[in-house]
Amino acid sequence: MPPLLVAYAGLVLLNLLGVGLHQEPLEWLTKPLLAPVLALHLWRLTLRSHPLVLAALAFATAGDVALLLSGAGAFVVGTACFLGTQVSYLVAFIRQGAAAYLRARPLLVIGCLALWAAANGALLPQLGALAWAVVPYSGALLTMAASAWVMGPRAAWGGAVFVSSDLLVGLGAAGAEFLGRPVLVMATYAAAQFLLVDAFVHARTAQNVDNAEGRDGHRRAAAAAGTDATGEAAGR
């Protein structure tokens, strides 16, 4: 495994330990580092900035810090930051052709709309004043998750797991608490961010391989053509 992924896995495990044991200092030490480590991993393996993905991770870092605080105000700020995350990922997927992909798959769009309506219908009565922040965020989240399919299984799973993580957050905000929910929130969130970032890493790696194979094939074809031309000239 790349060293930065080892570091990410270690941070995730320590964070889950802090969440499970209610050790806030350990949460503060690990959670704000998750997205920056993924950003460094992306930069190191692709050798390019991916500005939209980096923006998504920057918003996520701010949201992670906000959600470490308590109170409705911190929840709203965190939701706004993660709205920036979802919009950044969404624009990145649109640039990969997500709009045309979704137009060709109306059932996927209908399914996401149905999930959005059902989740909001179930949670909004319990959210009270926080509902106005959740409605636009959940719309952006599900649009991102649907658009992620354009980049293949990694991104599709990342979007789906992100939705499940935020549904768990919404249940907590609505007062529906159960054993292990905070740990599940962080586990699914960390997995979702890794899968989304890894989709862009894999796409860049595949592009590099395709380009390299194309260049090698071109060189071989040119060499063969040169050999044939030399032999033809010698025959004449």
C-alpha atoms as a PDB file:
ATOM      1  CA  MET A   1       0.000   0.000   0.000  1.00  0.00           C
ATOM      2  CA  PRO A   2       1.169   3.552  -0.635  1.00  0.00           C
ATOM      3  CA  PRO A   3       2.484   5.106   2.613  1.00  0.00           C
ATOM      4  CA  LEU A   4      -0.186   7.799   2.623  1.00  0.00           C
ATOM      5  CA  LEU A   5      -2.937   5.180   2.453  1.00  0.00           C
ATOM      6  CA  VAL A   6      -1.329   3.377   5.381  1.00  0.00           C
ATOM      7  CA  ALA A   7      -1.374   6.690   7.247  1.00  0.00           C
ATOM      8  CA  TYR A   8      -5.019   7.219   6.272  1.00  0.00           C
ATOM      9  CA  ALA A   9      -6.003   3.759   7.485  1.00  0.00           C
ATOM     10  CA  GLY A  10      -4.191   4.373  10.771  1.00  0.00           C
ATOM     11  CA  LEU A  11      -5.925   7.722  11.252  1.00  0.00           C
ATOM     12  CA  VAL A  12      -9.309   6.139  10.546  1.00  0.00           C
ATOM     13  CA  LEU A  13      -8.738   3.362  13.070  1.00  0.00           C
ATOM     14  CA  LEU A  14      -7.589   5.832  15.732  1.00  0.00           C
ATOM     15  CA  ASN A  15     -10.561   8.057  15.016  1.00  0.00           C
ATOM     16  CA  LEU A  16     -13.001   5.157  15.314  1.00  0.00           C
ATOM     17  CA  LEU A  17     -11.354   4.252  18.597  1.00  0.00           C
ATOM     18  CA  GLY A  18     -11.777   7.828  19.812  1.00  0.00           C
ATOM     19  CA  VAL A  19     -15.433   7.901  18.738  1.00  0.00           C
ATOM     20  CA  GLY A  20     -16.220   4.533  20.268  1.00  0.00           C
ATOM     21  CA  LEU A  21     -14.531   5.355  23.583  1.00  0.00           C
ATOM     22  CA  HIS A  22     -15.754   8.981  23.638  1.00  0.00           C
ATOM     23  CA  GLN A  23     -12.195  10.318  23.633  1.00  0.00           C
ATOM     24  CA  GLU A  24     -12.636  13.801  22.162  1.00  0.00           C
ATOM     25  CA  PRO A  25      -8.888  14.670  22.145  1.00  0.00           C
ATOM     26  CA  LEU A  26      -8.246  11.640  19.922  1.00  0.00           C
ATOM     27  CA  GLU A  27     -11.082  12.699  17.613  1.00  0.00           C
ATOM     28  CA  TRP A  28      -9.676  16.227  17.346  1.00  0.00           C
ATOM     29  CA  LEU A  29      -6.224  14.790  16.649  1.00  0.00           C
ATOM     30  CA  THR A  30      -7.329  12.511  13.808  1.00  0.00           C
ATOM     31  CA  LYS A  31     -10.527  13.689  12.114  1.00  0.00           C
ATOM     32  CA  PRO A  32      -9.185  16.998  10.667  1.00  0.00           C
ATOM     33  CA  LEU A  33      -6.303  15.072   9.057  1.00  0.00           C
ATOM     34  CA  LEU A  34      -8.368  12.542   7.100  1.00  0.00           C
ATOM     35  CA  ALA A  35      -9.202  14.634   4.026  1.00  0.00           C
ATOM     36  CA  PRO A  36      -5.753  16.340   3.811  1.00  0.00           C
ATOM     37  CA  VAL A  37      -4.009  12.944   3.784  1.00  0.00           C
ATOM     38  CA  LEU A  38      -6.278  11.799   0.940  1.00  0.00           C
ATOM     39  CA  ALA A  39      -5.502  15.030  -0.920  1.00  0.00           C
ATOM     40  CA  LEU A  40      -1.760  14.346  -0.624  1.00  0.00           C
ATOM     41  CA  HIS A  41      -2.329  10.761  -1.781  1.00  0.00           C
ATOM     42  CA  LEU A  42      -4.230  12.006  -4.837  1.00  0.00           C
ATOM     43  CA  TRP A  43      -1.546  14.565  -5.678  1.00  0.00           C
ATOM     44  CA  ARG A  44       1.313  12.092  -5.233  1.00  0.00           C
ATOM     45  CA  LEU A  45      -0.136   9.359  -7.450  1.00  0.00           C
ATOM     46  CA  THR A  46      -1.588  11.502 -10.233  1.00  0.00           C
ATOM     47  CA  LEU A  47       0.982  14.337 -10.316  1.00  0.00           C
ATOM     48  CA  ARG A  48      -1.760  16.877 -10.928  1.00  0.00           C
ATOM     49  CA  SER A  49      -3.896  19.118  -8.767  1.00  0.00           C
ATOM     50  CA  HIS A  50      -7.471  17.906  -9.481  1.00  0.00           C
ATOM     51  CA  PRO A  51      -8.715  21.300  -8.213  1.00  0.00           C
ATOM     52  CA  LEU A  52     -12.356  20.245  -7.821  1.00  0.00           C
ATOM     53  CA  VAL A  53     -11.505  17.134  -5.817  1.00  0.00           C
ATOM     54  CA  LEU A  54      -9.088  19.132  -3.680  1.00  0.00           C
ATOM     55  CA  ALA A  55     -11.820  21.718  -3.124  1.00  0.00           C
ATOM     56  CA  ALA A  56     -14.179  18.927  -2.054  1.00  0.00           C
ATOM     57  CA  LEU A  57     -11.602  17.666   0.444  1.00  0.00           C
ATOM     58  CA  ALA A  58     -10.916  21.188   1.731  1.00  0.00           C
ATOM     59  CA  PHE A  59     -14.638  21.752   2.358  1.00  0.00           C
ATOM     60  CA  ALA A  60     -14.774  18.342   4.041  1.00  0.00           C
ATOM     61  CA  THR A  61     -11.937  19.287   6.378  1.00  0.00           C
ATOM     62  CA  ALA A  62     -13.777  22.435   7.428  1.00  0.00           C
ATOM     63  CA  GLY A  63     -16.970  20.424   7.874  1.00  0.00           C
ATOM     64  CA  ASP A  64     -15.179  17.802   9.955  1.00  0.00           C
ATOM     65  CA  VAL A  65     -13.919  20.480  12.329  1.00  0.00           C
ATOM     66  CA  ALA A  66     -17.350  22.130  12.567  1.00  0.00           C
ATOM     67  CA  LEU A  67     -19.078  18.837  13.380  1.00  0.00           C
ATOM     68  CA  LEU A  68     -16.609  18.176  16.192  1.00  0.00           C
ATOM     69  CA  LEU A  69     -18.279  21.082  17.957  1.00  0.00           C
ATOM     70  CA  SER A  70     -21.664  20.825  19.606  1.00  0.00           C
ATOM     71  CA  GLY A  71     -24.836  22.778  18.993  1.00  0.00           C
ATOM     72  CA  ALA A  72     -27.216  23.588  16.173  1.00  0.00           C
ATOM     73  CA  GLY A  73     -24.980  26.366  14.837  1.00  0.00           C
ATOM     74  CA  ALA A  74     -22.049  23.995  14.386  1.00  0.00           C
ATOM     75  CA  PHE A  75     -24.350  21.501  12.647  1.00  0.00           C
ATOM     76  CA  VAL A  76     -25.523  24.158  10.177  1.00  0.00           C
ATOM     77  CA  VAL A  77     -21.945  25.316   9.476  1.00  0.00           C
ATOM     78  CA  GLY A  78     -20.831  21.713   9.002  1.00  0.00           C
ATOM     79  CA  THR A  79     -23.744  21.042   6.660  1.00  0.00           C
ATOM     80  CA  ALA A  80     -22.843  24.150   4.620  1.00  0.00           C
ATOM     81  CA  CYS A  81     -19.226  22.992   4.354  1.00  0.00           C
ATOM     82  CA  PHE A  82     -20.262  19.532   3.206  1.00  0.00           C
ATOM     83  CA  LEU A  83     -22.630  21.122   0.712  1.00  0.00           C
ATOM     84  CA  GLY A  84     -19.461  22.606  -0.792  1.00  0.00           C
ATOM     85  CA  THR A  85     -17.965  19.103  -0.805  1.00  0.00           C
ATOM     86  CA  GLN A  86     -20.906  17.615  -2.682  1.00  0.00           C
ATOM     87  CA  VAL A  87     -21.080  20.458  -5.212  1.00  0.00           C
ATOM     88  CA  SER A  88     -17.326  20.186  -5.895  1.00  0.00           C
ATOM     89  CA  TYR A  89     -17.556  16.433  -6.467  1.00  0.00           C
ATOM     90  CA  LEU A  90     -20.687  16.945  -8.582  1.00  0.00           C
ATOM     91  CA  VAL A  91     -19.001  19.454 -10.897  1.00  0.00           C
ATOM     92  CA  ALA A  92     -16.021  17.100 -11.204  1.00  0.00           C
ATOM     93  CA  PHE A  93     -18.358  14.290 -12.301  1.00  0.00           C
ATOM     94  CA  ILE A  94     -20.216  16.575 -14.696  1.00  0.00           C
ATOM     95  CA  ARG A  95     -16.883  17.317 -16.348  1.00  0.00           C
ATOM     96  CA  GLN A  96     -16.487  13.567 -16.791  1.00  0.00           C
ATOM     97  CA  GLY A  97     -19.790  13.407 -18.692  1.00  0.00           C
ATOM     98  CA  ALA A  98     -22.281  12.742 -15.871  1.00  0.00           C
ATOM     99  CA  ALA A  99     -25.084  14.819 -17.431  1.00  0.00           C
ATOM    100  CA  ALA A 100     -25.251  12.682 -20.582  1.00  0.00           C
ATOM    101  CA  TYR A 101     -24.794   9.526 -18.492  1.00  0.00           C
ATOM    102  CA  LEU A 102     -27.831  10.348 -16.324  1.00  0.00           C
ATOM    103  CA  ARG A 103     -29.987  11.365 -19.283  1.00  0.00           C
ATOM    104  CA  ALA A 104     -29.493   7.872 -20.647  1.00  0.00           C
ATOM    105  CA  ARG A 105     -30.459   6.268 -17.301  1.00  0.00           C
ATOM    106  CA  PRO A 106     -33.789   7.715 -16.143  1.00  0.00           C
ATOM    107  CA  LEU A 107     -34.391   4.867 -13.667  1.00  0.00           C
ATOM    108  CA  LEU A 108     -31.266   5.859 -11.732  1.00  0.00           C
ATOM    109  CA  VAL A 109     -32.488   9.451 -11.550  1.00  0.00           C
ATOM    110  CA  ILE A 110     -35.992   8.386 -10.509  1.00  0.00           C
ATOM    111  CA  GLY A 111     -34.565   6.102  -7.808  1.00  0.00           C
ATOM    112  CA  CYS A 112     -32.440   8.904  -6.330  1.00  0.00           C
ATOM    113  CA  LEU A 113     -35.419  11.300  -6.380  1.00  0.00           C
ATOM    114  CA  ALA A 114     -37.563   8.717  -4.602  1.00  0.00           C
ATOM    115  CA  LEU A 115     -34.889   8.163  -1.954  1.00  0.00           C
ATOM    116  CA  TRP A 116     -34.512  11.931  -1.460  1.00  0.00           C
ATOM    117  CA  ALA A 117     -38.263  12.389  -1.019  1.00  0.00           C
ATOM    118  CA  ALA A 118     -38.620   9.408   1.330  1.00  0.00           C
ATOM    119  CA  ALA A 119     -35.659  10.366   3.532  1.00  0.00           C
ATOM    120  CA  ASN A 120     -36.724  13.992   3.831  1.00  0.00           C
ATOM    121  CA  GLY A 121     -40.321  13.006   4.453  1.00  0.00           C
ATOM    122  CA  ALA A 122     -39.254  10.762   7.323  1.00  0.00           C
ATOM    123  CA  LEU A 123     -36.634  13.014   8.927  1.00  0.00           C
ATOM    124  CA  LEU A 124     -37.808  16.591   8.413  1.00  0.00           C
ATOM    125  CA  PRO A 125     -40.615  16.531  11.011  1.00  0.00           C
ATOM    126  CA  GLN A 126     -38.034  15.589  13.658  1.00  0.00           C
ATOM    127  CA  LEU A 127     -35.360  18.061  12.509  1.00  0.00           C
ATOM    128  CA  GLY A 128     -37.366  21.177  13.251  1.00  0.00           C
ATOM    129  CA  ALA A 129     -35.454  24.375  12.474  1.00  0.00           C
ATOM    130  CA  LEU A 130     -32.567  22.395  10.964  1.00  0.00           C
ATOM    131  CA  ALA A 131     -34.755  21.189   8.100  1.00  0.00           C
ATOM    132  CA  TRP A 132     -34.007  24.193   5.895  1.00  0.00           C
ATOM    133  CA  ALA A 133     -30.295  23.257   5.896  1.00  0.00           C
ATOM    134  CA  VAL A 134     -30.851  19.543   5.299  1.00  0.00           C
ATOM    135  CA  VAL A 135     -33.162  19.765   2.267  1.00  0.00           C
ATOM    136  CA  PRO A 136     -30.701  21.432  -0.166  1.00  0.00           C
ATOM    137  CA  TYR A 137     -27.788  19.447   1.205  1.00  0.00           C
ATOM    138  CA  SER A 138     -29.540  16.104   0.744  1.00  0.00           C
ATOM    139  CA  GLY A 139     -30.481  17.098  -2.806  1.00  0.00           C
ATOM    140  CA  ALA A 140     -26.862  17.895  -3.650  1.00  0.00           C
ATOM    141  CA  LEU A 141     -25.694  14.691  -1.952  1.00  0.00           C
ATOM    142  CA  LEU A 142     -27.989  12.406  -3.944  1.00  0.00           C
ATOM    143  CA  THR A 143     -27.266  14.241  -7.193  1.00  0.00           C
ATOM    144  CA  MET A 144     -23.554  13.727  -6.542  1.00  0.00           C
ATOM    145  CA  ALA A 145     -24.109  10.055  -5.738  1.00  0.00           C
ATOM    146  CA  ALA A 146     -26.055   9.501  -8.960  1.00  0.00           C
ATOM    147  CA  SER A 147     -23.478  11.408 -11.024  1.00  0.00           C
ATOM    148  CA  ALA A 148     -20.624   9.395  -9.523  1.00  0.00           C
ATOM    149  CA  TRP A 149     -21.731   6.364 -11.563  1.00  0.00           C
ATOM    150  CA  VAL A 150     -20.161   7.946 -14.640  1.00  0.00           C
ATOM    151  CA  MET A 151     -16.702   7.070 -13.279  1.00  0.00           C
ATOM    152  CA  GLY A 152     -17.380   3.413 -12.604  1.00  0.00           C
ATOM    153  CA  PRO A 153     -17.881   1.134  -9.582  1.00  0.00           C
ATOM    154  CA  ARG A 154     -15.410   2.845  -7.227  1.00  0.00           C
ATOM    155  CA  ALA A 155     -17.081   6.230  -7.482  1.00  0.00           C
ATOM    156  CA  ALA A 156     -20.575   4.699  -7.531  1.00  0.00           C
ATOM    157  CA  TRP A 157     -19.893   2.851  -4.280  1.00  0.00           C
ATOM    158  CA  GLY A 158     -18.307   5.974  -2.831  1.00  0.00           C
ATOM    159  CA  GLY A 159     -21.426   8.010  -3.545  1.00  0.00           C
ATOM    160  CA  ALA A 160     -23.720   5.325  -2.150  1.00  0.00           C
ATOM    161  CA  VAL A 161     -21.686   4.933   1.042  1.00  0.00           C
ATOM    162  CA  PHE A 162     -21.592   8.730   1.461  1.00  0.00           C
ATOM    163  CA  VAL A 163     -25.404   8.736   1.319  1.00  0.00           C
ATOM    164  CA  SER A 164     -25.597   6.008   3.968  1.00  0.00           C
ATOM    165  CA  SER A 165     -23.176   7.915   6.207  1.00  0.00           C
ATOM    166  CA  ASP A 166     -25.202  11.112   6.017  1.00  0.00           C
ATOM    167  CA  LEU A 167     -28.446   9.237   6.586  1.00  0.00           C
ATOM    168  CA  LEU A 168     -26.904   8.062   9.850  1.00  0.00           C
ATOM    169  CA  VAL A 169     -25.998  11.679  10.652  1.00  0.00           C
ATOM    170  CA  GLY A 170     -29.567  12.731   9.880  1.00  0.00           C
ATOM    171  CA  LEU A 171     -30.957  10.038  12.173  1.00  0.00           C
ATOM    172  CA  GLY A 172     -28.803  11.348  14.999  1.00  0.00           C
ATOM    173  CA  ALA A 173     -29.870  14.942  14.369  1.00  0.00           C
ATOM    174  CA  ALA A 174     -33.499  13.780  14.410  1.00  0.00           C
ATOM    175  CA  GLY A 175     -32.968  12.132  17.798  1.00  0.00           C
ATOM    176  CA  ALA A 176     -32.887   8.512  16.610  1.00  0.00           C
ATOM    177  CA  GLU A 177     -29.907   7.172  18.541  1.00  0.00           C
ATOM    178  CA  PHE A 178     -28.757   3.545  18.632  1.00  0.00           C
ATOM    179  CA  LEU A 179     -25.689   1.637  19.732  1.00  0.00           C
ATOM    180  CA  GLY A 180     -22.700   2.163  17.451  1.00  0.00           C
ATOM    181  CA  ARG A 181     -24.257   4.878  15.276  1.00  0.00           C
ATOM    182  CA  PRO A 182     -21.391   7.421  15.696  1.00  0.00           C
ATOM    183  CA  VAL A 183     -18.812   4.754  14.840  1.00  0.00           C
ATOM    184  CA  LEU A 184     -20.806   3.729  11.762  1.00  0.00           C
ATOM    185  CA  VAL A 185     -21.027   7.382  10.699  1.00  0.00           C
ATOM    186  CA  MET A 186     -17.252   7.779  10.705  1.00  0.00           C
ATOM    187  CA  ALA A 187     -16.521   4.351   9.220  1.00  0.00           C
ATOM    188  CA  THR A 188     -18.832   4.917   6.253  1.00  0.00           C
ATOM    189  CA  TYR A 189     -17.666   8.517   5.819  1.00  0.00           C
ATOM    190  CA  ALA A 190     -13.991   7.500   5.710  1.00  0.00           C
ATOM    191  CA  ALA A 191     -14.767   4.685   3.255  1.00  0.00           C
ATOM    192  CA  ALA A 192     -16.789   7.008   1.015  1.00  0.00           C
ATOM    193  CA  GLN A 193     -14.074   9.647   0.810  1.00  0.00           C
ATOM    194  CA  PHE A 194     -11.456   7.012   0.011  1.00  0.00           C
ATOM    195  CA  LEU A 195     -13.575   5.436  -2.738  1.00  0.00           C
ATOM    196  CA  LEU A 196     -14.342   8.781  -4.391  1.00  0.00           C
ATOM    197  CA  VAL A 197     -10.716   9.899  -4.341  1.00  0.00           C
ATOM    198  CA  ASP A 198      -9.519   6.476  -5.472  1.00  0.00           C
ATOM    199  CA  ALA A 199     -11.837   6.714  -8.487  1.00  0.00           C
ATOM    200  CA  PHE A 200      -9.911   9.767  -9.670  1.00  0.00           C
ATOM    201  CA  VAL A 201      -6.569   8.113  -8.873  1.00  0.00           C
ATOM    202  CA  HIS A 202      -7.581   5.030 -10.863  1.00  0.00           C
ATOM    203  CA  ALA A 203      -8.898   7.092 -13.767  1.00  0.00           C
ATOM    204  CA  ARG A 204      -5.629   8.994 -14.029  1.00  0.00           C
ATOM    205  CA  THR A 205      -3.565   5.807 -13.746  1.00  0.00           C
ATOM    206  CA  ALA A 206      -5.622   4.115 -16.459  1.00  0.00           C
ATOM    207  CA  GLN A 207      -5.230   7.166 -18.685  1.00  0.00           C
ATOM    208  CA  ASN A 208      -1.459   7.097 -18.187  1.00  0.00           C
ATOM    209  CA  VAL A 209      -1.346   3.378 -19.039  1.00  0.00           C
ATOM    210  CA  ASP A 210      -3.477   3.906 -22.152  1.00  0.00           C
ATOM    211  CA  ASN A 211      -1.282   6.794 -23.264  1.00  0.00           C
ATOM    212  CA  ALA A 212       1.877   4.790 -22.656  1.00  0.00           C
ATOM    213  CA  GLU A 213       0.536   1.786 -24.558  1.00  0.00           C
ATOM    214  CA  GLY A 214      -0.541   4.080 -27.357  1.00  0.00           C
ATOM    215  CA  ARG A 215       2.896   5.683 -27.563  1.00  0.00           C
ATOM    216  CA  ASP A 216       4.625   2.278 -27.512  1.00  0.00           C
ATOM    217  CA  GLY A 217       2.318   0.984 -30.216  1.00  0.00           C
ATOM    218  CA  HIS A 218       2.989   4.068 -32.317  1.00  0.00           C
ATOM    219  CA  ARG A 219       6.739   3.593 -31.934  1.00  0.00           C
ATOM    220  CA  ARG A 220       6.486  -0.081 -32.903  1.00  0.00           C
ATOM    221  CA  ALA A 221       4.359   0.742 -35.923  1.00  0.00           C
ATOM    222  CA  ALA A 222       6.740   3.500 -36.975  1.00  0.00           C
ATOM    223  CA  ALA A 223       9.729   1.204 -36.576  1.00  0.00           C
ATOM    224  CA  ALA A 224       8.028  -1.525 -38.599  1.00  0.00           C
ATOM    225  CA  ALA A 225       7.097   0.951 -41.304  1.00  0.00           C
ATOM    226  CA  GLY A 226      10.667   2.185 -41.393  1.00  0.00           C
ATOM    227  CA  THR A 227      12.002  -1.364 -41.722  1.00  0.00           C
ATOM    228  CA  ASP A 228       9.573  -2.151 -44.527  1.00  0.00           C
ATOM    229  CA  ALA A 229      10.491   1.038 -46.334  1.00  0.00           C
ATOM    230  CA  THR A 230      14.200   0.247 -46.039  1.00  0.00           C
ATOM    231  CA  GLY A 231      13.673  -3.254 -47.365  1.00  0.00           C
ATOM    232  CA  GLU A 232      11.610  -1.970 -50.266  1.00  0.00           C
ATOM    233  CA  ALA A 233      14.256   0.599 -51.169  1.00  0.00           C
ATOM    234  CA  ALA A 234      16.967  -2.078 -51.061  1.00  0.00           C
ATOM    235  CA  GLY A 235      14.907  -4.318 -53.347  1.00  0.00           C
ATOM    236  CA  ARG A 236      14.557  -1.527 -55.859  1.00  0.00           C
END
